[in-house]
Amino acid sequence: MDERKDIPDRIKGLIAPYLETHGIELVETIYRREQVGMVLRLLVDTPDGVTIDECEGVNNYLSELLDKEDVIGEHYSLEVASPGLDRPMKTDRDYERNLDKEIEVTTYEQVDGRKTHEGRFVGMDREKIVIEAAGLSTVIPRKSIALARLRITF
């Protein structure tokens, strides 16, 4: 069972050179049991969004590599996909990518009397983010953020 926990880290190491060469970011690696059995899912992205062809390239490369390296000793399904537009922002890179865009933030406790904030993301540092709405700035401590994501409007 412990070997399963190591698989995402081993996959990250194996795929890193390919991703770097192709300008693709590995957002998340998941290896878990689902209804269909064991699933290895990689979520990948680029600054301009990831294409189906890029996902297919990662899938083909990793599939071939995993067959050679025999990293996973059990039957599994491999999926490579985009994390989606509404994925949560977790890393500094996620936040930086969304600077000057409209975001929505939910906090664990109230900030300026509210737990939900929407506005243009205008700044950040290690401790806080700043959003603007209706001419007012709201400073939100990063440790207070339960969920932050791009605000999608249609």
N, C-alpha and C. Protein backbone atom coordinates (compact mmCIF):
# COMPACT_ATOMS: atom_id res chain seq x y z
N MET A 1 0.82 -1.20 0.00
CA MET A 1 0.00 0.00 0.00
C MET A 1 0.86 1.26 0.00
N ASP A 2 1.98 1.26 0.73
CA ASP A 2 2.85 2.42 0.79
C ASP A 2 3.44 2.75 -0.57
N GLU A 3 3.66 1.71 -1.39
CA GLU A 3 4.20 1.94 -2.73
C GLU A 3 3.29 2.84 -3.55
N ARG A 4 1.98 2.71 -3.37
CA ARG A 4 1.03 3.54 -4.11
C ARG A 4 1.21 5.02 -3.79
N LYS A 5 1.55 5.33 -2.56
CA LYS A 5 1.75 6.72 -2.16
C LYS A 5 2.95 7.34 -2.87
N ASP A 6 3.94 6.53 -3.19
CA ASP A 6 5.16 7.02 -3.85
C ASP A 6 4.97 7.23 -5.35
N ILE A 7 3.95 6.62 -5.92
CA ILE A 7 3.79 6.66 -7.38
C ILE A 7 3.68 8.08 -7.93
N PRO A 8 2.86 8.98 -7.38
CA PRO A 8 2.80 10.34 -7.95
C PRO A 8 4.16 11.03 -7.99
N ASP A 9 4.96 10.89 -6.93
CA ASP A 9 6.29 11.52 -6.92
C ASP A 9 7.21 10.89 -7.96
N ARG A 10 7.14 9.59 -8.12
CA ARG A 10 7.97 8.91 -9.12
C ARG A 10 7.56 9.35 -10.53
N ILE A 11 6.25 9.50 -10.76
CA ILE A 11 5.75 9.95 -12.06
C ILE A 11 6.25 11.36 -12.36
N LYS A 12 6.19 12.24 -11.37
CA LYS A 12 6.66 13.62 -11.54
C LYS A 12 8.11 13.63 -12.01
N GLY A 13 8.94 12.82 -11.38
CA GLY A 13 10.34 12.75 -11.76
C GLY A 13 10.54 12.22 -13.17
N LEU A 14 9.76 11.21 -13.55
CA LEU A 14 9.90 10.62 -14.88
C LEU A 14 9.44 11.57 -15.99
N ILE A 15 8.37 12.30 -15.75
CA ILE A 15 7.77 13.11 -16.81
C ILE A 15 8.37 14.52 -16.89
N ALA A 16 9.07 14.95 -15.84
CA ALA A 16 9.59 16.33 -15.77
C ALA A 16 10.39 16.76 -17.00
N PRO A 17 11.34 15.96 -17.50
CA PRO A 17 12.12 16.42 -18.67
C PRO A 17 11.23 16.66 -19.90
N TYR A 18 10.27 15.78 -20.13
CA TYR A 18 9.36 15.95 -21.28
C TYR A 18 8.55 17.23 -21.13
N LEU A 19 7.99 17.44 -19.95
CA LEU A 19 7.16 18.62 -19.73
C LEU A 19 7.97 19.90 -19.90
N GLU A 20 9.17 19.92 -19.34
CA GLU A 20 10.02 21.10 -19.45
C GLU A 20 10.36 21.41 -20.91
N THR A 21 10.70 20.39 -21.66
CA THR A 21 11.03 20.56 -23.08
C THR A 21 9.86 21.12 -23.87
N HIS A 22 8.64 20.74 -23.49
CA HIS A 22 7.45 21.15 -24.24
C HIS A 22 6.71 22.34 -23.62
N GLY A 23 7.27 22.93 -22.55
CA GLY A 23 6.65 24.10 -21.94
C GLY A 23 5.32 23.81 -21.27
N ILE A 24 5.19 22.60 -20.71
CA ILE A 24 3.94 22.18 -20.08
C ILE A 24 4.17 22.08 -18.57
N GLU A 25 3.20 22.59 -17.81
CA GLU A 25 3.28 22.54 -16.35
C GLU A 25 2.45 21.37 -15.82
N LEU A 26 3.01 20.62 -14.91
CA LEU A 26 2.27 19.55 -14.23
C LEU A 26 1.56 20.19 -13.04
N VAL A 27 0.25 20.26 -13.11
CA VAL A 27 -0.55 20.89 -12.06
C VAL A 27 -0.79 19.92 -10.91
N GLU A 28 -1.12 18.69 -11.25
CA GLU A 28 -1.42 17.71 -10.20
C GLU A 28 -1.26 16.29 -10.74
N THR A 29 -0.80 15.41 -9.89
CA THR A 29 -0.70 13.98 -10.21
C THR A 29 -1.50 13.22 -9.16
N ILE A 30 -2.45 12.42 -9.62
CA ILE A 30 -3.34 11.69 -8.73
C ILE A 30 -3.26 10.20 -9.09
N TYR A 31 -3.10 9.38 -8.08
CA TYR A 31 -3.16 7.93 -8.29
C TYR A 31 -4.07 7.37 -7.21
N ARG A 32 -5.24 6.89 -7.64
CA ARG A 32 -6.22 6.40 -6.66
C ARG A 32 -7.18 5.40 -7.28
N ARG A 33 -7.85 4.69 -6.38
CA ARG A 33 -8.87 3.73 -6.80
C ARG A 33 -10.15 4.49 -7.09
N GLU A 34 -10.74 4.22 -8.25
CA GLU A 34 -12.03 4.78 -8.62
C GLU A 34 -12.91 3.62 -9.06
N GLN A 35 -14.12 3.90 -9.52
CA GLN A 35 -15.06 2.84 -9.91
C GLN A 35 -14.47 1.90 -10.95
N VAL A 36 -13.70 2.44 -11.88
CA VAL A 36 -13.13 1.63 -12.96
C VAL A 36 -11.86 0.88 -12.55
N GLY A 37 -11.40 1.10 -11.33
CA GLY A 37 -10.15 0.51 -10.86
C GLY A 37 -9.15 1.60 -10.54
N MET A 38 -7.87 1.27 -10.58
CA MET A 38 -6.83 2.26 -10.28
C MET A 38 -6.68 3.22 -11.46
N VAL A 39 -6.58 4.53 -11.14
CA VAL A 39 -6.46 5.56 -12.16
C VAL A 39 -5.26 6.44 -11.83
N LEU A 40 -4.40 6.63 -12.84
CA LEU A 40 -3.31 7.60 -12.76
C LEU A 40 -3.74 8.78 -13.61
N ARG A 41 -3.97 9.92 -12.95
CA ARG A 41 -4.48 11.11 -13.65
C ARG A 41 -3.47 12.24 -13.51
N LEU A 42 -3.05 12.79 -14.64
CA LEU A 42 -2.18 13.95 -14.65
C LEU A 42 -2.96 15.13 -15.17
N LEU A 43 -2.93 16.22 -14.43
CA LEU A 43 -3.54 17.47 -14.89
C LEU A 43 -2.40 18.37 -15.32
N VAL A 44 -2.44 18.81 -16.57
CA VAL A 44 -1.36 19.61 -17.14
C VAL A 44 -1.91 20.90 -17.72
N ASP A 45 -1.04 21.90 -17.84
CA ASP A 45 -1.47 23.20 -18.35
C ASP A 45 -0.29 23.93 -18.97
N THR A 46 -0.59 24.97 -19.71
CA THR A 46 0.41 25.90 -20.22
C THR A 46 -0.15 27.30 -19.98
N PRO A 47 0.68 28.32 -20.08
CA PRO A 47 0.17 29.69 -19.88
C PRO A 47 -0.98 30.04 -20.83
N ASP A 48 -1.03 29.41 -22.00
CA ASP A 48 -2.09 29.69 -22.97
C ASP A 48 -3.20 28.64 -22.95
N GLY A 49 -3.16 27.75 -21.95
CA GLY A 49 -4.12 26.64 -21.92
C GLY A 49 -3.51 25.46 -22.65
N VAL A 50 -3.96 24.28 -22.30
CA VAL A 50 -3.39 23.07 -22.89
C VAL A 50 -4.33 22.55 -23.98
N THR A 51 -3.74 22.04 -25.05
CA THR A 51 -4.54 21.52 -26.16
C THR A 51 -4.71 20.01 -26.03
N ILE A 52 -5.63 19.47 -26.79
CA ILE A 52 -5.83 18.02 -26.83
C ILE A 52 -4.58 17.34 -27.33
N ASP A 53 -3.94 17.93 -28.34
CA ASP A 53 -2.70 17.35 -28.88
C ASP A 53 -1.60 17.30 -27.82
N GLU A 54 -1.50 18.34 -26.99
CA GLU A 54 -0.49 18.34 -25.93
C GLU A 54 -0.79 17.26 -24.89
N CYS A 55 -2.06 17.12 -24.52
CA CYS A 55 -2.45 16.05 -23.58
C CYS A 55 -2.14 14.68 -24.16
N GLU A 56 -2.44 14.52 -25.44
CA GLU A 56 -2.17 13.25 -26.11
C GLU A 56 -0.67 12.97 -26.15
N GLY A 57 0.14 13.99 -26.39
CA GLY A 57 1.60 13.82 -26.41
C GLY A 57 2.13 13.37 -25.06
N VAL A 58 1.64 14.00 -23.98
CA VAL A 58 2.05 13.61 -22.63
C VAL A 58 1.61 12.18 -22.36
N ASN A 59 0.39 11.86 -22.72
CA ASN A 59 -0.16 10.51 -22.51
C ASN A 59 0.70 9.47 -23.22
N ASN A 60 0.97 9.69 -24.50
CA ASN A 60 1.75 8.73 -25.28
C ASN A 60 3.16 8.55 -24.72
N TYR A 61 3.81 9.68 -24.40
CA TYR A 61 5.17 9.62 -23.87
C TYR A 61 5.19 8.86 -22.54
N LEU A 62 4.28 9.24 -21.63
CA LEU A 62 4.26 8.62 -20.31
C LEU A 62 3.87 7.15 -20.39
N SER A 63 2.93 6.82 -21.23
CA SER A 63 2.50 5.44 -21.38
C SER A 63 3.67 4.56 -21.81
N GLU A 64 4.41 5.02 -22.79
CA GLU A 64 5.58 4.27 -23.26
C GLU A 64 6.64 4.16 -22.18
N LEU A 65 6.88 5.26 -21.47
CA LEU A 65 7.88 5.29 -20.41
C LEU A 65 7.50 4.36 -19.26
N LEU A 66 6.22 4.37 -18.89
CA LEU A 66 5.76 3.52 -17.79
C LEU A 66 5.86 2.03 -18.15
N ASP A 67 5.64 1.72 -19.42
CA ASP A 67 5.79 0.33 -19.86
C ASP A 67 7.25 -0.12 -19.70
N LYS A 68 8.19 0.77 -20.02
CA LYS A 68 9.62 0.44 -19.92
C LYS A 68 10.07 0.36 -18.47
N GLU A 69 9.67 1.35 -17.67
CA GLU A 69 10.16 1.48 -16.29
C GLU A 69 9.44 0.58 -15.30
N ASP A 70 8.26 0.10 -15.63
CA ASP A 70 7.47 -0.76 -14.75
C ASP A 70 7.31 -0.15 -13.35
N VAL A 71 6.87 1.10 -13.32
CA VAL A 71 6.68 1.84 -12.08
C VAL A 71 5.45 1.34 -11.32
N ILE A 72 4.41 0.98 -12.08
CA ILE A 72 3.15 0.56 -11.46
C ILE A 72 2.97 -0.93 -11.73
N GLY A 73 2.94 -1.71 -10.67
CA GLY A 73 2.88 -3.16 -10.81
C GLY A 73 1.48 -3.73 -10.90
N GLU A 74 0.47 -2.89 -11.02
CA GLU A 74 -0.90 -3.37 -11.11
C GLU A 74 -1.59 -2.72 -12.30
N HIS A 75 -2.75 -3.24 -12.67
CA HIS A 75 -3.50 -2.67 -13.78
C HIS A 75 -4.01 -1.28 -13.39
N TYR A 76 -3.93 -0.32 -14.32
CA TYR A 76 -4.38 1.04 -14.07
C TYR A 76 -4.80 1.68 -15.38
N SER A 77 -5.55 2.76 -15.28
CA SER A 77 -5.91 3.58 -16.45
C SER A 77 -5.13 4.88 -16.35
N LEU A 78 -4.61 5.35 -17.46
CA LEU A 78 -3.86 6.60 -17.51
C LEU A 78 -4.72 7.66 -18.16
N GLU A 79 -4.85 8.80 -17.50
CA GLU A 79 -5.60 9.94 -18.04
C GLU A 79 -4.73 11.18 -17.95
N VAL A 80 -4.70 11.95 -19.02
CA VAL A 80 -4.01 13.25 -19.02
C VAL A 80 -5.04 14.27 -19.47
N ALA A 81 -5.21 15.33 -18.67
CA ALA A 81 -6.27 16.30 -18.96
C ALA A 81 -5.88 17.69 -18.50
N SER A 82 -6.67 18.65 -18.93
CA SER A 82 -6.56 20.02 -18.47
C SER A 82 -7.22 20.12 -17.10
N PRO A 83 -6.69 20.96 -16.21
CA PRO A 83 -7.32 21.10 -14.91
C PRO A 83 -8.63 21.89 -14.96
N GLY A 84 -8.92 22.53 -16.08
CA GLY A 84 -10.17 23.29 -16.21
C GLY A 84 -9.99 24.74 -15.82
N LEU A 85 -10.82 25.58 -16.35
CA LEU A 85 -10.74 27.02 -16.08
C LEU A 85 -11.03 27.37 -14.64
N ASP A 86 -11.90 26.59 -14.00
CA ASP A 86 -12.33 26.94 -12.65
C ASP A 86 -11.53 26.22 -11.56
N ARG A 87 -10.34 25.74 -11.91
CA ARG A 87 -9.55 25.04 -10.91
C ARG A 87 -9.13 26.00 -9.79
N PRO A 88 -9.01 25.50 -8.59
CA PRO A 88 -8.58 26.35 -7.48
C PRO A 88 -7.14 26.82 -7.68
N MET A 89 -6.87 28.04 -7.25
CA MET A 89 -5.52 28.57 -7.26
C MET A 89 -4.86 28.14 -5.96
N LYS A 90 -3.74 27.44 -6.07
CA LYS A 90 -3.06 26.93 -4.89
C LYS A 90 -1.63 27.45 -4.77
N THR A 91 -0.93 27.51 -5.88
CA THR A 91 0.49 27.86 -5.86
C THR A 91 0.69 29.33 -6.24
N ASP A 92 1.89 29.84 -5.95
CA ASP A 92 2.22 31.21 -6.37
C ASP A 92 2.05 31.34 -7.88
N ARG A 93 2.45 30.31 -8.59
CA ARG A 93 2.35 30.34 -10.05
C ARG A 93 0.89 30.46 -10.51
N ASP A 94 -0.02 29.76 -9.81
CA ASP A 94 -1.45 29.89 -10.12
C ASP A 94 -1.91 31.33 -9.94
N TYR A 95 -1.51 31.92 -8.82
CA TYR A 95 -1.92 33.30 -8.55
C TYR A 95 -1.31 34.26 -9.58
N GLU A 96 -0.03 34.11 -9.86
CA GLU A 96 0.64 34.99 -10.82
C GLU A 96 -0.02 34.92 -12.19
N ARG A 97 -0.44 33.74 -12.59
CA ARG A 97 -1.08 33.56 -13.89
C ARG A 97 -2.40 34.33 -13.97
N ASN A 98 -3.04 34.55 -12.84
CA ASN A 98 -4.35 35.19 -12.83
C ASN A 98 -4.34 36.65 -12.38
N LEU A 99 -3.15 37.22 -12.27
CA LEU A 99 -3.03 38.63 -11.91
C LEU A 99 -3.77 39.49 -12.94
N ASP A 100 -4.49 40.49 -12.46
CA ASP A 100 -5.29 41.42 -13.28
C ASP A 100 -6.52 40.76 -13.90
N LYS A 101 -6.92 39.63 -13.38
CA LYS A 101 -8.15 38.97 -13.84
C LYS A 101 -9.17 38.99 -12.72
N GLU A 102 -10.41 38.74 -13.08
CA GLU A 102 -11.48 38.68 -12.09
C GLU A 102 -11.41 37.32 -11.38
N ILE A 103 -11.40 37.36 -10.04
CA ILE A 103 -11.36 36.13 -9.27
C ILE A 103 -12.46 36.15 -8.20
N GLU A 104 -12.73 34.97 -7.66
CA GLU A 104 -13.63 34.86 -6.51
C GLU A 104 -12.88 34.11 -5.42
N VAL A 105 -13.03 34.60 -4.19
CA VAL A 105 -12.30 34.06 -3.06
C VAL A 105 -13.28 33.78 -1.92
N THR A 106 -13.15 32.60 -1.32
CA THR A 106 -13.92 32.26 -0.12
C THR A 106 -12.90 32.09 1.00
N THR A 107 -13.19 32.70 2.15
CA THR A 107 -12.27 32.63 3.28
C THR A 107 -12.85 31.79 4.41
N TYR A 108 -11.95 31.29 5.26
CA TYR A 108 -12.38 30.49 6.41
C TYR A 108 -13.12 31.35 7.43
N GLU A 109 -12.62 32.57 7.63
CA GLU A 109 -13.27 33.48 8.55
C GLU A 109 -13.55 34.79 7.82
N GLN A 110 -14.35 35.64 8.40
CA GLN A 110 -14.72 36.89 7.74
C GLN A 110 -13.52 37.81 7.57
N VAL A 111 -13.44 38.42 6.40
CA VAL A 111 -12.47 39.47 6.10
C VAL A 111 -13.30 40.66 5.63
N ASP A 112 -13.15 41.79 6.29
CA ASP A 112 -13.97 42.97 6.00
C ASP A 112 -15.47 42.65 6.07
N GLY A 113 -15.85 41.78 7.03
CA GLY A 113 -17.25 41.47 7.27
C GLY A 113 -17.88 40.43 6.35
N ARG A 114 -17.05 39.81 5.47
CA ARG A 114 -17.61 38.82 4.53
C ARG A 114 -16.67 37.63 4.41
N LYS A 115 -17.24 36.50 3.98
CA LYS A 115 -16.43 35.31 3.69
C LYS A 115 -16.27 35.09 2.19
N THR A 116 -17.06 35.78 1.37
CA THR A 116 -16.99 35.64 -0.08
C THR A 116 -16.62 36.99 -0.68
N HIS A 117 -15.62 36.96 -1.57
CA HIS A 117 -15.12 38.19 -2.19
C HIS A 117 -14.95 37.97 -3.68
N GLU A 118 -15.34 38.95 -4.46
CA GLU A 118 -15.13 38.91 -5.91
C GLU A 118 -14.53 40.24 -6.32
N GLY A 119 -13.64 40.19 -7.31
CA GLY A 119 -13.05 41.41 -7.81
C GLY A 119 -11.84 41.14 -8.67
N ARG A 120 -11.21 42.22 -9.11
CA ARG A 120 -10.01 42.10 -9.93
C ARG A 120 -8.82 41.86 -9.01
N PHE A 121 -8.07 40.82 -9.31
CA PHE A 121 -6.89 40.43 -8.53
C PHE A 121 -5.75 41.36 -8.92
N VAL A 122 -5.33 42.24 -7.98
CA VAL A 122 -4.37 43.28 -8.32
C VAL A 122 -2.99 43.13 -7.69
N GLY A 123 -2.84 42.24 -6.70
CA GLY A 123 -1.53 42.11 -6.10
C GLY A 123 -1.44 40.98 -5.10
N MET A 124 -0.20 40.62 -4.78
CA MET A 124 0.02 39.53 -3.83
C MET A 124 1.44 39.57 -3.31
N ASP A 125 1.64 38.95 -2.17
CA ASP A 125 2.96 38.60 -1.68
C ASP A 125 2.81 37.29 -0.92
N ARG A 126 3.80 36.90 -0.16
CA ARG A 126 3.73 35.60 0.53
C ARG A 126 2.60 35.55 1.57
N GLU A 127 2.23 36.69 2.11
CA GLU A 127 1.29 36.74 3.23
C GLU A 127 -0.15 37.06 2.83
N LYS A 128 -0.35 37.75 1.70
CA LYS A 128 -1.69 38.24 1.39
C LYS A 128 -1.90 38.40 -0.12
N ILE A 129 -3.19 38.53 -0.48
CA ILE A 129 -3.56 38.92 -1.84
C ILE A 129 -4.43 40.17 -1.73
N VAL A 130 -4.54 40.92 -2.82
CA VAL A 130 -5.35 42.13 -2.84
C VAL A 130 -6.28 42.05 -4.05
N ILE A 131 -7.57 42.26 -3.80
CA ILE A 131 -8.53 42.35 -4.90
C ILE A 131 -9.24 43.69 -4.82
N GLU A 132 -9.66 44.17 -5.98
CA GLU A 132 -10.38 45.44 -6.08
C GLU A 132 -11.76 45.20 -6.64
N ALA A 133 -12.75 45.86 -6.04
CA ALA A 133 -14.12 45.80 -6.53
C ALA A 133 -14.80 47.12 -6.17
N ALA A 134 -15.48 47.71 -7.12
CA ALA A 134 -16.21 48.96 -6.92
C ALA A 134 -15.31 50.05 -6.33
N GLY A 135 -14.06 50.09 -6.78
CA GLY A 135 -13.14 51.13 -6.34
C GLY A 135 -12.53 50.90 -4.96
N LEU A 136 -12.86 49.80 -4.31
CA LEU A 136 -12.32 49.49 -2.98
C LEU A 136 -11.38 48.29 -3.05
N SER A 137 -10.30 48.37 -2.29
CA SER A 137 -9.36 47.26 -2.21
C SER A 137 -9.63 46.43 -0.97
N THR A 138 -9.52 45.12 -1.12
CA THR A 138 -9.65 44.21 0.01
C THR A 138 -8.37 43.40 0.10
N VAL A 139 -7.75 43.43 1.28
CA VAL A 139 -6.54 42.65 1.54
C VAL A 139 -6.97 41.37 2.27
N ILE A 140 -6.61 40.24 1.68
CA ILE A 140 -7.02 38.95 2.23
C ILE A 140 -5.76 38.15 2.60
N PRO A 141 -5.61 37.79 3.89
CA PRO A 141 -4.46 36.96 4.27
C PRO A 141 -4.53 35.61 3.56
N ARG A 142 -3.42 35.17 3.00
CA ARG A 142 -3.42 33.90 2.26
C ARG A 142 -3.78 32.72 3.14
N LYS A 143 -3.41 32.76 4.42
CA LYS A 143 -3.73 31.65 5.31
C LYS A 143 -5.23 31.57 5.59
N SER A 144 -5.98 32.63 5.28
CA SER A 144 -7.43 32.66 5.48
C SER A 144 -8.21 32.14 4.27
N ILE A 145 -7.51 31.90 3.16
CA ILE A 145 -8.20 31.53 1.92
C ILE A 145 -8.56 30.05 1.92
N ALA A 146 -9.87 29.79 1.85
CA ALA A 146 -10.36 28.42 1.73
C ALA A 146 -10.36 28.00 0.26
N LEU A 147 -10.75 28.92 -0.62
CA LEU A 147 -10.82 28.65 -2.05
C LEU A 147 -10.66 29.95 -2.83
N ALA A 148 -9.78 29.93 -3.81
CA ALA A 148 -9.63 31.07 -4.72
C ALA A 148 -9.57 30.52 -6.13
N ARG A 149 -10.36 31.13 -7.02
CA ARG A 149 -10.33 30.67 -8.42
C ARG A 149 -10.76 31.81 -9.34
N LEU A 150 -10.43 31.60 -10.61
CA LEU A 150 -10.81 32.54 -11.65
C LEU A 150 -12.32 32.64 -11.72
N ARG A 151 -12.81 33.86 -11.84
CA ARG A 151 -14.25 34.05 -11.95
C ARG A 151 -14.62 33.95 -13.43
N ILE A 152 -15.46 33.00 -13.73
CA ILE A 152 -15.84 32.75 -15.12
C ILE A 152 -17.20 33.36 -15.38
N THR A 153 -17.26 34.23 -16.38
CA THR A 153 -18.53 34.84 -16.76
C THR A 153 -18.78 34.53 -18.22
N PHE A 154 -20.03 34.26 -18.53
CA PHE A 154 -20.41 33.92 -19.90
C PHE A 154 -21.28 35.00 -20.47
